[in-house]
Amino acid sequence: MASDSLTDRAKQATKIASQPEDYKVCEGCESIVARRVVFCPNCHGYRFNEQAQAVIDQAILLGGRERTSVVSDDLAH
C-alpha cells in the first residue's frame, strides 16, 4: 500500500511543482500523471492539461489534503 500521509503528499507535490514540465493533469479525474502516459492509470481518461501552471496549482491542491480517490492498488487487496 502506498504511503499517503500528508507529509508524503506535500513532499511529492513540491517535487511536481518544481518540475511541472514532467507532468500533466488528467481532465477526467484531475490526477497528476507523468507527461509520457497516454491514458490516465486511474480513470483511463485521455485528455490532459499540460500547462505548467495547471500542474503547479493541482499539485498544491492535492498536496494539502488527504487522498480521496480510489487507485488500482486499492482494488488489488
N, C-alpha and C. Protein backbone atom coordinates (compact mmCIF):
# COMPACT_ATOMS: atom_id res chain seq x y z
N MET A 1 0.84 -1.18 0.00
CA MET A 1 0.00 0.00 0.00
C MET A 1 0.88 1.24 0.00
N ALA A 2 0.57 2.18 -0.84
CA ALA A 2 1.34 3.41 -0.95
C ALA A 2 1.15 4.27 0.29
N SER A 3 2.21 4.96 0.66
CA SER A 3 2.13 5.86 1.81
C SER A 3 1.39 7.12 1.40
N ASP A 4 0.37 7.49 2.17
CA ASP A 4 -0.45 8.63 1.81
C ASP A 4 -0.51 9.69 2.90
N SER A 5 0.50 9.74 3.77
CA SER A 5 0.47 10.75 4.81
C SER A 5 0.54 12.14 4.17
N LEU A 6 0.02 13.11 4.88
CA LEU A 6 0.06 14.48 4.37
C LEU A 6 1.49 14.95 4.13
N THR A 7 2.41 14.52 4.96
CA THR A 7 3.81 14.91 4.78
C THR A 7 4.35 14.35 3.47
N ASP A 8 4.05 13.08 3.20
CA ASP A 8 4.50 12.46 1.95
C ASP A 8 3.85 13.12 0.75
N ARG A 9 2.57 13.42 0.86
CA ARG A 9 1.86 14.07 -0.25
C ARG A 9 2.43 15.47 -0.50
N ALA A 10 2.75 16.19 0.57
CA ALA A 10 3.33 17.53 0.43
C ALA A 10 4.70 17.46 -0.23
N LYS A 11 5.51 16.46 0.13
CA LYS A 11 6.83 16.30 -0.49
C LYS A 11 6.68 16.00 -1.98
N GLN A 12 5.76 15.12 -2.33
CA GLN A 12 5.53 14.78 -3.73
C GLN A 12 5.03 16.02 -4.50
N ALA A 13 4.14 16.78 -3.88
CA ALA A 13 3.61 17.99 -4.51
C ALA A 13 4.72 18.99 -4.77
N THR A 14 5.63 19.14 -3.84
CA THR A 14 6.77 20.05 -4.00
C THR A 14 7.64 19.61 -5.17
N LYS A 15 7.88 18.31 -5.27
CA LYS A 15 8.67 17.77 -6.39
C LYS A 15 7.98 18.07 -7.72
N ILE A 16 6.69 17.80 -7.78
CA ILE A 16 5.94 18.03 -9.02
C ILE A 16 5.92 19.51 -9.38
N ALA A 17 5.66 20.35 -8.40
CA ALA A 17 5.58 21.80 -8.65
C ALA A 17 6.92 22.37 -9.10
N SER A 18 8.01 21.74 -8.69
CA SER A 18 9.33 22.24 -9.10
C SER A 18 9.73 21.76 -10.49
N GLN A 19 9.01 20.77 -11.02
CA GLN A 19 9.29 20.25 -12.37
C GLN A 19 7.98 20.03 -13.13
N PRO A 20 7.17 21.04 -13.30
CA PRO A 20 5.84 20.84 -13.91
C PRO A 20 5.90 20.37 -15.36
N GLU A 21 7.03 20.60 -16.01
CA GLU A 21 7.16 20.17 -17.40
C GLU A 21 7.19 18.64 -17.55
N ASP A 22 7.40 17.92 -16.44
CA ASP A 22 7.44 16.46 -16.46
C ASP A 22 6.08 15.82 -16.21
N TYR A 23 5.05 16.64 -15.97
CA TYR A 23 3.74 16.13 -15.56
C TYR A 23 2.61 16.79 -16.35
N LYS A 24 1.43 16.23 -16.20
CA LYS A 24 0.22 16.82 -16.76
C LYS A 24 -0.95 16.42 -15.87
N VAL A 25 -2.06 17.15 -15.99
CA VAL A 25 -3.24 16.91 -15.16
C VAL A 25 -4.32 16.25 -16.00
N CYS A 26 -4.84 15.13 -15.51
CA CYS A 26 -5.92 14.44 -16.21
C CYS A 26 -7.18 15.30 -16.11
N GLU A 27 -7.83 15.53 -17.24
CA GLU A 27 -9.06 16.32 -17.23
C GLU A 27 -10.27 15.48 -16.84
N GLY A 28 -10.09 14.17 -16.72
CA GLY A 28 -11.18 13.30 -16.30
C GLY A 28 -11.31 13.23 -14.78
N CYS A 29 -10.19 12.98 -14.10
CA CYS A 29 -10.24 12.79 -12.65
C CYS A 29 -9.36 13.76 -11.88
N GLU A 30 -8.64 14.62 -12.59
CA GLU A 30 -7.77 15.65 -12.01
C GLU A 30 -6.54 15.09 -11.30
N SER A 31 -6.16 13.86 -11.62
CA SER A 31 -4.92 13.29 -11.11
C SER A 31 -3.75 13.91 -11.86
N ILE A 32 -2.61 13.92 -11.21
CA ILE A 32 -1.38 14.35 -11.86
C ILE A 32 -0.66 13.09 -12.32
N VAL A 33 -0.27 13.06 -13.59
CA VAL A 33 0.40 11.90 -14.15
C VAL A 33 1.67 12.34 -14.86
N ALA A 34 2.54 11.39 -15.13
CA ALA A 34 3.77 11.69 -15.87
C ALA A 34 3.42 12.12 -17.29
N ARG A 35 4.18 13.02 -17.82
CA ARG A 35 3.94 13.56 -19.15
C ARG A 35 3.90 12.45 -20.20
N ARG A 36 4.63 11.36 -20.01
CA ARG A 36 4.74 10.32 -21.03
C ARG A 36 3.52 9.41 -21.16
N VAL A 37 2.62 9.41 -20.18
CA VAL A 37 1.48 8.49 -20.25
C VAL A 37 0.49 8.93 -21.32
N VAL A 38 -0.20 7.95 -21.88
CA VAL A 38 -1.21 8.21 -22.91
C VAL A 38 -2.60 8.17 -22.30
N PHE A 39 -2.81 7.23 -21.37
CA PHE A 39 -4.09 7.09 -20.67
C PHE A 39 -3.86 7.23 -19.18
N CYS A 40 -4.78 7.88 -18.50
CA CYS A 40 -4.68 8.04 -17.05
C CYS A 40 -4.80 6.66 -16.40
N PRO A 41 -3.88 6.29 -15.53
CA PRO A 41 -3.96 4.99 -14.88
C PRO A 41 -5.12 4.89 -13.88
N ASN A 42 -5.67 6.01 -13.48
CA ASN A 42 -6.76 5.99 -12.50
C ASN A 42 -8.14 5.91 -13.15
N CYS A 43 -8.37 6.74 -14.17
CA CYS A 43 -9.72 6.78 -14.77
C CYS A 43 -9.73 6.37 -16.24
N HIS A 44 -8.55 6.10 -16.78
CA HIS A 44 -8.39 5.72 -18.19
C HIS A 44 -8.77 6.84 -19.15
N GLY A 45 -8.79 8.07 -18.65
CA GLY A 45 -9.04 9.22 -19.49
C GLY A 45 -7.85 9.47 -20.42
N TYR A 46 -8.08 10.24 -21.45
CA TYR A 46 -7.02 10.52 -22.41
C TYR A 46 -6.89 12.00 -22.76
N ARG A 47 -7.56 12.84 -21.99
CA ARG A 47 -7.42 14.28 -22.19
C ARG A 47 -6.69 14.87 -20.99
N PHE A 48 -5.69 15.68 -21.29
CA PHE A 48 -4.83 16.20 -20.24
C PHE A 48 -4.58 17.69 -20.43
N ASN A 49 -4.37 18.37 -19.32
CA ASN A 49 -3.93 19.76 -19.33
C ASN A 49 -2.43 19.73 -19.05
N GLU A 50 -1.64 20.17 -20.03
CA GLU A 50 -0.19 20.11 -19.91
C GLU A 50 0.42 21.46 -19.53
N GLN A 51 -0.40 22.46 -19.25
CA GLN A 51 0.12 23.78 -18.89
C GLN A 51 0.81 23.71 -17.53
N ALA A 52 2.00 24.28 -17.46
CA ALA A 52 2.81 24.23 -16.24
C ALA A 52 2.04 24.78 -15.04
N GLN A 53 1.35 25.90 -15.21
CA GLN A 53 0.64 26.50 -14.08
C GLN A 53 -0.49 25.60 -13.59
N ALA A 54 -1.15 24.90 -14.49
CA ALA A 54 -2.21 23.97 -14.09
C ALA A 54 -1.64 22.83 -13.26
N VAL A 55 -0.47 22.34 -13.64
CA VAL A 55 0.19 21.26 -12.89
C VAL A 55 0.57 21.76 -11.50
N ILE A 56 1.15 22.95 -11.44
CA ILE A 56 1.56 23.52 -10.14
C ILE A 56 0.34 23.72 -9.24
N ASP A 57 -0.71 24.31 -9.78
CA ASP A 57 -1.92 24.56 -8.99
C ASP A 57 -2.52 23.26 -8.46
N GLN A 58 -2.57 22.24 -9.31
CA GLN A 58 -3.15 20.96 -8.89
C GLN A 58 -2.25 20.28 -7.86
N ALA A 59 -0.94 20.37 -8.02
CA ALA A 59 -0.02 19.79 -7.05
C ALA A 59 -0.21 20.42 -5.68
N ILE A 60 -0.35 21.73 -5.64
CA ILE A 60 -0.57 22.43 -4.37
C ILE A 60 -1.89 21.99 -3.74
N LEU A 61 -2.92 21.89 -4.55
CA LEU A 61 -4.23 21.47 -4.05
C LEU A 61 -4.18 20.04 -3.50
N LEU A 62 -3.66 19.12 -4.29
CA LEU A 62 -3.63 17.72 -3.87
C LEU A 62 -2.64 17.48 -2.74
N GLY A 63 -1.55 18.22 -2.72
CA GLY A 63 -0.54 18.04 -1.68
C GLY A 63 -0.98 18.52 -0.31
N GLY A 64 -2.04 19.29 -0.26
CA GLY A 64 -2.50 19.83 1.01
C GLY A 64 -3.68 19.10 1.63
N ARG A 65 -4.05 17.97 1.04
CA ARG A 65 -5.20 17.23 1.59
C ARG A 65 -4.97 15.73 1.49
N GLU A 66 -5.75 14.99 2.24
CA GLU A 66 -5.68 13.53 2.20
C GLU A 66 -6.16 13.04 0.84
N ARG A 67 -5.67 11.87 0.44
CA ARG A 67 -6.11 11.26 -0.81
C ARG A 67 -7.57 10.85 -0.68
N THR A 68 -8.36 11.14 -1.69
CA THR A 68 -9.77 10.77 -1.67
C THR A 68 -10.15 9.87 -2.84
N SER A 69 -9.25 9.69 -3.78
CA SER A 69 -9.57 8.88 -4.96
C SER A 69 -9.22 7.41 -4.72
N VAL A 70 -9.86 6.56 -5.49
CA VAL A 70 -9.57 5.13 -5.47
C VAL A 70 -8.59 4.86 -6.59
N VAL A 71 -7.50 4.19 -6.27
CA VAL A 71 -6.50 3.85 -7.27
C VAL A 71 -6.42 2.32 -7.41
N SER A 72 -5.75 1.85 -8.43
CA SER A 72 -5.72 0.41 -8.71
C SER A 72 -5.18 -0.40 -7.54
N ASP A 73 -4.23 0.14 -6.78
CA ASP A 73 -3.70 -0.57 -5.61
C ASP A 73 -4.80 -0.86 -4.59
N ASP A 74 -5.77 0.02 -4.47
CA ASP A 74 -6.88 -0.19 -3.53
C ASP A 74 -7.72 -1.39 -3.93
N LEU A 75 -7.84 -1.64 -5.20
CA LEU A 75 -8.70 -2.71 -5.70
C LEU A 75 -8.01 -4.06 -5.66
N ALA A 76 -6.71 -4.10 -5.57
CA ALA A 76 -5.96 -5.35 -5.57
C ALA A 76 -6.00 -6.07 -4.23
N HIS A 77 -6.45 -5.41 -3.19
CA HIS A 77 -6.42 -6.01 -1.84
C HIS A 77 -7.72 -6.63 -1.50
